[in-house]
């Protein structure tokens, strides 16, 4: 199932879709705790009011600590800050890439 193909408000469809994602993505190459922390960080970046509490709960259930939760949130904030600063000041991409050589 894909969430986009679900009928609006179809709880069963959303549940089935998430189960498929969990089976195919969250049980992959990245250990579950770290996958949930990454999902939490992405959820914060997207400002998803549904995903943030879900992935916080899933990360805690997978063994994440409160400090790891806070760090995942801080990472999202740091990426957003730096992206805004670089994009907003129109920092030269070639100069930026030279910093990582």
PDB file of N, CA and C in Angstrom:
ATOM      1  N   UNK A   1       0.833  -1.192   0.000  1.00  0.00           N
ATOM      2  CA  UNK A   1       0.000   0.000   0.000  1.00  0.00           C
ATOM      3  C   UNK A   1       0.873   1.249   0.000  1.00  0.00           C
ATOM      4  N   UNK A   2       0.381   2.284  -0.613  1.00  0.00           N
ATOM      5  CA  UNK A   2       1.043   3.568  -0.545  1.00  0.00           C
ATOM      6  C   UNK A   2       0.065   4.553   0.073  1.00  0.00           C
ATOM      7  N   UNK A   3       0.579   5.400   0.936  1.00  0.00           N
ATOM      8  CA  UNK A   3      -0.280   6.363   1.618  1.00  0.00           C
ATOM      9  C   UNK A   3      -1.024   7.236   0.608  1.00  0.00           C
ATOM     10  N   UNK A   4      -0.366   7.617  -0.474  1.00  0.00           N
ATOM     11  CA  UNK A   4      -1.005   8.495  -1.465  1.00  0.00           C
ATOM     12  C   UNK A   4      -2.237   7.858  -2.087  1.00  0.00           C
ATOM     13  N   UNK A   5      -2.295   6.533  -2.126  1.00  0.00           N
ATOM     14  CA  UNK A   5      -3.444   5.876  -2.745  1.00  0.00           C
ATOM     15  C   UNK A   5      -4.576   5.615  -1.750  1.00  0.00           C
ATOM     16  N   UNK A   6      -4.368   5.945  -0.491  1.00  0.00           N
ATOM     17  CA  UNK A   6      -5.393   5.723   0.537  1.00  0.00           C
ATOM     18  C   UNK A   6      -6.509   6.748   0.414  1.00  0.00           C
ATOM     19  N   UNK A   7      -7.705   6.305   0.738  1.00  0.00           N
ATOM     20  CA  UNK A   7      -8.820   7.235   0.787  1.00  0.00           C
ATOM     21  C   UNK A   7      -8.641   8.163   1.972  1.00  0.00           C
ATOM     22  N   UNK A   8      -9.079   9.398   1.836  1.00  0.00           N
ATOM     23  CA  UNK A   8      -8.969  10.363   2.912  1.00  0.00           C
ATOM     24  C   UNK A   8      -9.639   9.817   4.164  1.00  0.00           C
ATOM     25  N   UNK A   9      -8.915   9.811   5.252  1.00  0.00           N
ATOM     26  CA  UNK A   9      -9.465   9.378   6.528  1.00  0.00           C
ATOM     27  C   UNK A   9      -9.539   7.880   6.714  1.00  0.00           C
ATOM     28  N   UNK A  10      -8.980   7.098   5.808  1.00  0.00           N
ATOM     29  CA  UNK A  10      -9.027   5.647   5.911  1.00  0.00           C
ATOM     30  C   UNK A  10      -7.945   5.159   6.865  1.00  0.00           C
ATOM     31  N   UNK A  11      -8.326   4.960   8.121  1.00  0.00           N
ATOM     32  CA  UNK A  11      -7.385   4.558   9.153  1.00  0.00           C
ATOM     33  C   UNK A  11      -6.746   3.213   8.832  1.00  0.00           C
ATOM     34  N   UNK A  12      -7.536   2.276   8.337  1.00  0.00           N
ATOM     35  CA  UNK A  12      -7.009   0.951   8.026  1.00  0.00           C
ATOM     36  C   UNK A  12      -5.962   1.025   6.909  1.00  0.00           C
ATOM     37  N   UNK A  13      -6.212   1.823   5.910  1.00  0.00           N
ATOM     38  CA  UNK A  13      -5.285   1.977   4.796  1.00  0.00           C
ATOM     39  C   UNK A  13      -3.966   2.586   5.278  1.00  0.00           C
ATOM     40  N   UNK A  14      -4.052   3.610   6.104  1.00  0.00           N
ATOM     41  CA  UNK A  14      -2.849   4.250   6.652  1.00  0.00           C
ATOM     42  C   UNK A  14      -2.072   3.239   7.485  1.00  0.00           C
ATOM     43  N   UNK A  15      -2.767   2.481   8.324  1.00  0.00           N
ATOM     44  CA  UNK A  15      -2.127   1.467   9.172  1.00  0.00           C
ATOM     45  C   UNK A  15      -1.406   0.419   8.324  1.00  0.00           C
ATOM     46  N   UNK A  16      -2.083  -0.060   7.278  1.00  0.00           N
ATOM     47  CA  UNK A  16      -1.488  -1.063   6.392  1.00  0.00           C
ATOM     48  C   UNK A  16      -0.263  -0.509   5.673  1.00  0.00           C
ATOM     49  N   UNK A  17      -0.357   0.741   5.253  1.00  0.00           N
ATOM     50  CA  UNK A  17       0.754   1.383   4.570  1.00  0.00           C
ATOM     51  C   UNK A  17       1.955   1.493   5.496  1.00  0.00           C
ATOM     52  N   UNK A  18       1.717   1.903   6.735  1.00  0.00           N
ATOM     53  CA  UNK A  18       2.826   2.043   7.674  1.00  0.00           C
ATOM     54  C   UNK A  18       3.447   0.689   7.997  1.00  0.00           C
ATOM     55  N   UNK A  19       2.623  -0.348   8.084  1.00  0.00           N
ATOM     56  CA  UNK A  19       3.165  -1.692   8.338  1.00  0.00           C
ATOM     57  C   UNK A  19       4.092  -2.118   7.202  1.00  0.00           C
ATOM     58  N   UNK A  20       3.732  -1.789   5.972  1.00  0.00           N
ATOM     59  CA  UNK A  20       4.576  -2.125   4.823  1.00  0.00           C
ATOM     60  C   UNK A  20       5.894  -1.367   4.886  1.00  0.00           C
ATOM     61  N   UNK A  21       5.828  -0.089   5.234  1.00  0.00           N
ATOM     62  CA  UNK A  21       7.052   0.711   5.372  1.00  0.00           C
ATOM     63  C   UNK A  21       7.915   0.142   6.488  1.00  0.00           C
ATOM     64  N   UNK A  22       7.301  -0.189   7.600  1.00  0.00           N
ATOM     65  CA  UNK A  22       8.043  -0.744   8.725  1.00  0.00           C
ATOM     66  C   UNK A  22       8.751  -2.035   8.329  1.00  0.00           C
ATOM     67  N   UNK A  23       8.072  -2.887   7.602  1.00  0.00           N
ATOM     68  CA  UNK A  23       8.648  -4.174   7.202  1.00  0.00           C
ATOM     69  C   UNK A  23       9.770  -4.003   6.186  1.00  0.00           C
ATOM     70  N   UNK A  24       9.624  -3.037   5.283  1.00  0.00           N
ATOM     71  CA  UNK A  24      10.572  -2.898   4.185  1.00  0.00           C
ATOM     72  C   UNK A  24      11.657  -1.848   4.403  1.00  0.00           C
ATOM     73  N   UNK A  25      11.443  -0.910   5.289  1.00  0.00           N
ATOM     74  CA  UNK A  25      12.414   0.167   5.498  1.00  0.00           C
ATOM     75  C   UNK A  25      13.042   0.100   6.890  1.00  0.00           C
ATOM     76  N   UNK A  26      12.216   0.038   7.909  1.00  0.00           N
ATOM     77  CA  UNK A  26      12.731   0.099   9.271  1.00  0.00           C
ATOM     78  C   UNK A  26      13.360  -1.204   9.748  1.00  0.00           C
ATOM     79  N   UNK A  27      13.269  -2.246   8.981  1.00  0.00           N
ATOM     80  CA  UNK A  27      13.934  -3.503   9.318  1.00  0.00           C
ATOM     81  C   UNK A  27      14.996  -3.807   8.270  1.00  0.00           C
ATOM     82  N   UNK A  28      15.714  -2.771   7.850  1.00  0.00           N
ATOM     83  CA  UNK A  28      16.724  -2.908   6.810  1.00  0.00           C
ATOM     84  C   UNK A  28      18.137  -2.821   7.365  1.00  0.00           C
ATOM     85  N   UNK A  29      18.992  -2.168   6.611  1.00  0.00           N
ATOM     86  CA  UNK A  29      20.423  -2.118   6.903  1.00  0.00           C
ATOM     87  C   UNK A  29      20.771  -1.266   8.123  1.00  0.00           C
ATOM     88  N   UNK A  30      19.917  -0.320   8.466  1.00  0.00           N
ATOM     89  CA  UNK A  30      20.168   0.549   9.626  1.00  0.00           C
ATOM     90  C   UNK A  30      19.430  -0.029  10.826  1.00  0.00           C
ATOM     91  N   UNK A  31      20.125  -0.240  11.950  1.00  0.00           N
ATOM     92  CA  UNK A  31      19.437  -0.769  13.141  1.00  0.00           C
ATOM     93  C   UNK A  31      18.223   0.096  13.503  1.00  0.00           C
ATOM     94  N   UNK A  32      17.180  -0.561  14.007  1.00  0.00           N
ATOM     95  CA  UNK A  32      15.887   0.082  14.251  1.00  0.00           C
ATOM     96  C   UNK A  32      15.993   1.375  15.056  1.00  0.00           C
ATOM     97  N   UNK A  33      16.741   1.365  16.154  1.00  0.00           N
ATOM     98  CA  UNK A  33      16.845   2.574  16.984  1.00  0.00           C
ATOM     99  C   UNK A  33      17.356   3.758  16.158  1.00  0.00           C
ATOM    100  N   UNK A  34      18.392   3.519  15.368  1.00  0.00           N
ATOM    101  CA  UNK A  34      18.981   4.607  14.576  1.00  0.00           C
ATOM    102  C   UNK A  34      18.084   5.012  13.418  1.00  0.00           C
ATOM    103  N   UNK A  35      17.374   4.053  12.849  1.00  0.00           N
ATOM    104  CA  UNK A  35      16.419   4.376  11.786  1.00  0.00           C
ATOM    105  C   UNK A  35      15.301   5.262  12.333  1.00  0.00           C
ATOM    106  N   UNK A  36      14.827   4.950  13.540  1.00  0.00           N
ATOM    107  CA  UNK A  36      13.762   5.763  14.144  1.00  0.00           C
ATOM    108  C   UNK A  36      14.283   7.148  14.523  1.00  0.00           C
ATOM    109  N   UNK A  37      15.521   7.245  14.977  1.00  0.00           N
ATOM    110  CA  UNK A  37      16.101   8.561  15.287  1.00  0.00           C
ATOM    111  C   UNK A  37      16.252   9.394  14.015  1.00  0.00           C
ATOM    112  N   UNK A  38      16.651   8.751  12.917  1.00  0.00           N
ATOM    113  CA  UNK A  38      16.744   9.461  11.641  1.00  0.00           C
ATOM    114  C   UNK A  38      15.358   9.911  11.182  1.00  0.00           C
ATOM    115  N   UNK A  39      14.368   9.041  11.354  1.00  0.00           N
ATOM    116  CA  UNK A  39      12.996   9.396  10.978  1.00  0.00           C
ATOM    117  C   UNK A  39      12.477  10.546  11.836  1.00  0.00           C
ATOM    118  N   UNK A  40      12.844  10.537  13.117  1.00  0.00           N
ATOM    119  CA  UNK A  40      12.441  11.643  13.991  1.00  0.00           C
ATOM    120  C   UNK A  40      13.074  12.948  13.514  1.00  0.00           C
ATOM    121  N   UNK A  41      14.353  12.903  13.191  1.00  0.00           N
ATOM    122  CA  UNK A  41      15.031  14.104  12.713  1.00  0.00           C
ATOM    123  C   UNK A  41      14.381  14.624  11.430  1.00  0.00           C
ATOM    124  N   UNK A  42      14.068  13.717  10.506  1.00  0.00           N
ATOM    125  CA  UNK A  42      13.391  14.118   9.265  1.00  0.00           C
ATOM    126  C   UNK A  42      12.000  14.671   9.558  1.00  0.00           C
ATOM    127  N   UNK A  43      11.312  14.068  10.526  1.00  0.00           N
ATOM    128  CA  UNK A  43       9.968  14.530  10.896  1.00  0.00           C
ATOM    129  C   UNK A  43       9.996  15.938  11.451  1.00  0.00           C
ATOM    130  N   UNK A  44      11.011  16.227  12.252  1.00  0.00           N
ATOM    131  CA  UNK A  44      11.168  17.579  12.802  1.00  0.00           C
ATOM    132  C   UNK A  44      11.439  18.553  11.661  1.00  0.00           C
ATOM    133  N   UNK A  45      12.305  18.163  10.738  1.00  0.00           N
ATOM    134  CA  UNK A  45      12.617  19.039   9.601  1.00  0.00           C
ATOM    135  C   UNK A  45      11.369  19.317   8.766  1.00  0.00           C
ATOM    136  N   UNK A  46      10.501  18.296   8.632  1.00  0.00           N
ATOM    137  CA  UNK A  46       9.261  18.456   7.862  1.00  0.00           C
ATOM    138  C   UNK A  46       8.164  19.140   8.678  1.00  0.00           C
ATOM    139  N   UNK A  47       8.405  19.267   9.980  1.00  0.00           N
ATOM    140  CA  UNK A  47       7.414  19.843  10.901  1.00  0.00           C
ATOM    141  C   UNK A  47       6.104  19.055  10.866  1.00  0.00           C
ATOM    142  N   UNK A  48       6.239  17.717  10.842  1.00  0.00           N
ATOM    143  CA  UNK A  48       5.065  16.850  10.759  1.00  0.00           C
ATOM    144  C   UNK A  48       4.513  16.558  12.150  1.00  0.00           C
ATOM    145  N   UNK A  49       3.362  17.106  12.438  1.00  0.00           N
ATOM    146  CA  UNK A  49       2.759  16.942  13.765  1.00  0.00           C
ATOM    147  C   UNK A  49       2.323  15.503  14.041  1.00  0.00           C
ATOM    148  N   UNK A  50       2.184  14.698  13.009  1.00  0.00           N
ATOM    149  CA  UNK A  50       1.835  13.291  13.185  1.00  0.00           C
ATOM    150  C   UNK A  50       3.088  12.446  13.416  1.00  0.00           C
ATOM    151  N   UNK A  51       4.110  12.710  12.613  1.00  0.00           N
ATOM    152  CA  UNK A  51       5.319  11.885  12.627  1.00  0.00           C
ATOM    153  C   UNK A  51       6.173  12.085  13.870  1.00  0.00           C
ATOM    154  N   UNK A  52       6.261  13.299  14.379  1.00  0.00           N
ATOM    155  CA  UNK A  52       7.138  13.587  15.520  1.00  0.00           C
ATOM    156  C   UNK A  52       6.777  12.733  16.739  1.00  0.00           C
ATOM    157  N   UNK A  53       5.521  12.727  17.199  1.00  0.00           N
ATOM    158  CA  UNK A  53       5.226  11.881  18.365  1.00  0.00           C
ATOM    159  C   UNK A  53       5.336  10.389  18.048  1.00  0.00           C
ATOM    160  N   UNK A  54       5.007   9.999  16.819  1.00  0.00           N
ATOM    161  CA  UNK A  54       5.090   8.581  16.460  1.00  0.00           C
ATOM    162  C   UNK A  54       6.541   8.109  16.497  1.00  0.00           C
ATOM    163  N   UNK A  55       7.434   8.831  15.820  1.00  0.00           N
ATOM    164  CA  UNK A  55       8.831   8.390  15.769  1.00  0.00           C
ATOM    165  C   UNK A  55       9.553   8.583  17.096  1.00  0.00           C
ATOM    166  N   UNK A  56       9.113   9.541  17.897  1.00  0.00           N
ATOM    167  CA  UNK A  56       9.659   9.665  19.249  1.00  0.00           C
ATOM    168  C   UNK A  56       9.320   8.414  20.050  1.00  0.00           C
ATOM    169  N   UNK A  57       8.073   8.005  19.987  1.00  0.00           N
ATOM    170  CA  UNK A  57       7.623   6.811  20.696  1.00  0.00           C
ATOM    171  C   UNK A  57       8.327   5.563  20.185  1.00  0.00           C
ATOM    172  N   UNK A  58       8.429   5.429  18.859  1.00  0.00           N
ATOM    173  CA  UNK A  58       9.085   4.261  18.270  1.00  0.00           C
ATOM    174  C   UNK A  58      10.570   4.221  18.629  1.00  0.00           C
ATOM    175  N   UNK A  59      11.222   5.381  18.628  1.00  0.00           N
ATOM    176  CA  UNK A  59      12.651   5.428  18.966  1.00  0.00           C
ATOM    177  C   UNK A  59      12.867   5.029  20.423  1.00  0.00           C
ATOM    178  N   UNK A  60      12.029   5.550  21.306  1.00  0.00           N
ATOM    179  CA  UNK A  60      12.136   5.171  22.722  1.00  0.00           C
ATOM    180  C   UNK A  60      11.906   3.669  22.898  1.00  0.00           C
ATOM    181  N   UNK A  61      10.906   3.129  22.196  1.00  0.00           N
ATOM    182  CA  UNK A  61      10.624   1.695  22.288  1.00  0.00           C
ATOM    183  C   UNK A  61      11.781   0.858  21.744  1.00  0.00           C
ATOM    184  N   UNK A  62      12.543   1.422  20.807  1.00  0.00           N
ATOM    185  CA  UNK A  62      13.684   0.718  20.219  1.00  0.00           C
ATOM    186  C   UNK A  62      14.956   0.903  21.048  1.00  0.00           C
ATOM    187  N   UNK A  63      14.834   1.612  22.184  1.00  0.00           N
ATOM    188  CA  UNK A  63      15.971   1.744  23.087  1.00  0.00           C
ATOM    189  C   UNK A  63      16.668   3.080  23.090  1.00  0.00           C
ATOM    190  N   UNK A  64      16.140   4.060  22.378  1.00  0.00           N
ATOM    191  CA  UNK A  64      16.756   5.384  22.378  1.00  0.00           C
ATOM    192  C   UNK A  64      16.579   6.049  23.741  1.00  0.00           C
ATOM    193  N   UNK A  65      17.553   6.856  24.117  1.00  0.00           N
ATOM    194  CA  UNK A  65      17.478   7.604  25.371  1.00  0.00           C
ATOM    195  C   UNK A  65      16.879   8.981  25.105  1.00  0.00           C
ATOM    196  N   UNK A  66      16.494   9.654  26.174  1.00  0.00           N
ATOM    197  CA  UNK A  66      15.988  11.029  26.037  1.00  0.00           C
ATOM    198  C   UNK A  66      17.066  11.922  25.422  1.00  0.00           C
ATOM    199  N   UNK A  67      18.323  11.689  25.779  1.00  0.00           N
ATOM    200  CA  UNK A  67      19.428  12.490  25.234  1.00  0.00           C
ATOM    201  C   UNK A  67      19.564  12.253  23.725  1.00  0.00           C
ATOM    202  N   UNK A  68      19.385  11.011  23.286  1.00  0.00           N
ATOM    203  CA  UNK A  68      19.440  10.719  21.848  1.00  0.00           C
ATOM    204  C   UNK A  68      18.275  11.369  21.113  1.00  0.00           C
ATOM    205  N   UNK A  69      17.106  11.390  21.728  1.00  0.00           N
ATOM    206  CA  UNK A  69      15.942  12.070  21.141  1.00  0.00           C
ATOM    207  C   UNK A  69      16.253  13.557  20.970  1.00  0.00           C
ATOM    208  N   UNK A  70      16.779  14.175  22.021  1.00  0.00           N
ATOM    209  CA  UNK A  70      17.123  15.601  21.964  1.00  0.00           C
ATOM    210  C   UNK A  70      18.179  15.865  20.896  1.00  0.00           C
ATOM    211  N   UNK A  71      19.137  14.966  20.758  1.00  0.00           N
ATOM    212  CA  UNK A  71      20.179  15.136  19.750  1.00  0.00           C
ATOM    213  C   UNK A  71      19.611  15.031  18.349  1.00  0.00           C
ATOM    214  N   UNK A  72      18.696  14.094  18.123  1.00  0.00           N
ATOM    215  CA  UNK A  72      18.062  13.964  16.805  1.00  0.00           C
ATOM    216  C   UNK A  72      17.314  15.243  16.432  1.00  0.00           C
ATOM    217  N   UNK A  73      16.645  15.836  17.406  1.00  0.00           N
ATOM    218  CA  UNK A  73      15.936  17.105  17.180  1.00  0.00           C
ATOM    219  C   UNK A  73      16.938  18.224  16.905  1.00  0.00           C
ATOM    220  N   UNK A  74      18.027  18.260  17.664  1.00  0.00           N
ATOM    221  CA  UNK A  74      19.053  19.283  17.477  1.00  0.00           C
ATOM    222  C   UNK A  74      19.709  19.174  16.103  1.00  0.00           C
ATOM    223  N   UNK A  75      19.896  17.956  15.621  1.00  0.00           N
ATOM    224  CA  UNK A  75      20.468  17.766  14.286  1.00  0.00           C
ATOM    225  C   UNK A  75      19.554  18.385  13.234  1.00  0.00           C
ATOM    226  N   UNK A  76      18.256  18.141  13.345  1.00  0.00           N
ATOM    227  CA  UNK A  76      17.301  18.734  12.397  1.00  0.00           C
ATOM    228  C   UNK A  76      17.369  20.253  12.448  1.00  0.00           C
ATOM    229  N   UNK A  77      17.447  20.797  13.653  1.00  0.00           N
ATOM    230  CA  UNK A  77      17.512  22.255  13.813  1.00  0.00           C
ATOM    231  C   UNK A  77      18.805  22.810  13.223  1.00  0.00           C
ATOM    232  N   UNK A  78      19.908  22.110  13.436  1.00  0.00           N
ATOM    233  CA  UNK A  78      21.198  22.563  12.921  1.00  0.00           C
ATOM    234  C   UNK A  78      21.227  22.551  11.397  1.00  0.00           C
ATOM    235  N   UNK A  79      20.701  21.489  10.805  1.00  0.00           N
ATOM    236  CA  UNK A  79      20.660  21.415   9.341  1.00  0.00           C
ATOM    237  C   UNK A  79      19.787  22.539   8.782  1.00  0.00           C
ATOM    238  N   UNK A  80      18.640  22.771   9.415  1.00  0.00           N
ATOM    239  CA  UNK A  80      17.749  23.847   8.956  1.00  0.00           C
ATOM    240  C   UNK A  80      18.424  25.214   9.072  1.00  0.00           C
ATOM    241  N   UNK A  81      19.105  25.449  10.189  1.00  0.00           N
ATOM    242  CA  UNK A  81      19.795  26.732  10.393  1.00  0.00           C
ATOM    243  C   UNK A  81      20.865  26.946   9.335  1.00  0.00           C
ATOM    244  N   UNK A  82      21.734  25.950   9.173  1.00  0.00           N
ATOM    245  CA  UNK A  82      22.827  26.113   8.212  1.00  0.00           C
ATOM    246  C   UNK A  82      22.327  26.212   6.786  1.00  0.00           C
ATOM    247  N   UNK A  83      21.313  25.446   6.451  1.00  0.00           N
ATOM    248  CA  UNK A  83      20.737  25.532   5.120  1.00  0.00           C
ATOM    249  C   UNK A  83      20.170  26.928   4.863  1.00  0.00           C
ATOM    250  N   UNK A  84      19.454  27.460   5.842  1.00  0.00           N
ATOM    251  CA  UNK A  84      18.872  28.800   5.700  1.00  0.00           C
ATOM    252  C   UNK A  84      19.951  29.861   5.557  1.00  0.00           C
ATOM    253  N   UNK A  85      21.001  29.739   6.354  1.00  0.00           N
ATOM    254  CA  UNK A  85      22.090  30.719   6.292  1.00  0.00           C
ATOM    255  C   UNK A  85      22.803  30.675   4.939  1.00  0.00           C
ATOM    256  N   UNK A  86      23.127  29.470   4.468  1.00  0.00           N
ATOM    257  CA  UNK A  86      23.833  29.340   3.193  1.00  0.00           C
ATOM    258  C   UNK A  86      22.949  29.759   2.032  1.00  0.00           C
ATOM    259  N   UNK A  87      21.706  29.299   2.028  1.00  0.00           N
ATOM    260  CA  UNK A  87      20.791  29.627   0.940  1.00  0.00           C
ATOM    261  C   UNK A  87      20.437  31.111   0.957  1.00  0.00           C
ATOM    262  N   UNK A  88      20.145  31.611   2.157  1.00  0.00           N
ATOM    263  CA  UNK A  88      19.740  33.009   2.297  1.00  0.00           C
ATOM    264  C   UNK A  88      20.827  34.001   1.920  1.00  0.00           C
ATOM    265  N   UNK A  89      22.089  33.630   2.164  1.00  0.00           N
ATOM    266  CA  UNK A  89      23.194  34.525   1.804  1.00  0.00           C
ATOM    267  C   UNK A  89      23.739  34.222   0.411  1.00  0.00           C
ATOM    268  N   UNK A  90      23.116  33.253  -0.266  1.00  0.00           N
ATOM    269  CA  UNK A  90      23.515  32.842  -1.615  1.00  0.00           C
ATOM    270  C   UNK A  90      25.004  32.496  -1.674  1.00  0.00           C
ATOM    271  N   UNK A  91      25.430  31.728  -0.671  1.00  0.00           N
ATOM    272  CA  UNK A  91      26.822  31.303  -0.581  1.00  0.00           C
ATOM    273  C   UNK A  91      27.186  30.515  -1.836  1.00  0.00           C
ATOM    274  N   UNK A  92      28.342  30.782  -2.390  1.00  0.00           N
ATOM    275  CA  UNK A  92      28.778  30.155  -3.630  1.00  0.00           C
ATOM    276  C   UNK A  92      28.955  28.638  -3.448  1.00  0.00           C
ATOM    277  N   UNK A  93      28.294  27.847  -4.283  1.00  0.00           N
ATOM    278  CA  UNK A  93      28.330  26.391  -4.167  1.00  0.00           C
ATOM    279  C   UNK A  93      29.732  25.840  -4.372  1.00  0.00           C
ATOM    280  N   UNK A  94      30.465  26.368  -5.335  1.00  0.00           N
ATOM    281  CA  UNK A  94      31.827  25.879  -5.565  1.00  0.00           C
ATOM    282  C   UNK A  94      32.703  26.123  -4.339  1.00  0.00           C
ATOM    283  N   UNK A  95      32.581  27.291  -3.732  1.00  0.00           N
ATOM    284  CA  UNK A  95      33.343  27.584  -2.511  1.00  0.00           C
ATOM    285  C   UNK A  95      32.928  26.651  -1.373  1.00  0.00           C
ATOM    286  N   UNK A  96      31.651  26.392  -1.295  1.00  0.00           N
ATOM    287  CA  UNK A  96      31.143  25.487  -0.264  1.00  0.00           C
ATOM    288  C   UNK A  96      31.733  24.091  -0.430  1.00  0.00           C
ATOM    289  N   UNK A  97      31.699  23.562  -1.654  1.00  0.00           N
ATOM    290  CA  UNK A  97      32.191  22.206  -1.896  1.00  0.00           C
ATOM    291  C   UNK A  97      33.688  22.094  -1.645  1.00  0.00           C
ATOM    292  N   UNK A  98      34.446  23.165  -1.870  1.00  0.00           N
ATOM    293  CA  UNK A  98      35.890  23.163  -1.601  1.00  0.00           C
ATOM    294  C   UNK A  98      36.176  22.924  -0.125  1.00  0.00           C
ATOM    295  N   UNK A  99      35.243  23.281   0.741  1.00  0.00           N
ATOM    296  CA  UNK A  99      35.445  23.097   2.188  1.00  0.00           C
ATOM    297  C   UNK A  99      35.537  21.626   2.565  1.00  0.00           C
ATOM    298  N   UNK A 100      35.079  20.734   1.702  1.00  0.00           N
ATOM    299  CA  UNK A 100      35.018  19.312   2.032  1.00  0.00           C
ATOM    300  C   UNK A 100      36.007  18.466   1.237  1.00  0.00           C
ATOM    301  N   UNK A 101      36.933  19.121   0.571  1.00  0.00           N
ATOM    302  CA  UNK A 101      37.954  18.386  -0.192  1.00  0.00           C
ATOM    303  C   UNK A 101      39.073  17.914   0.707  1.00  0.00           C
TER     304      UNK A 101
END
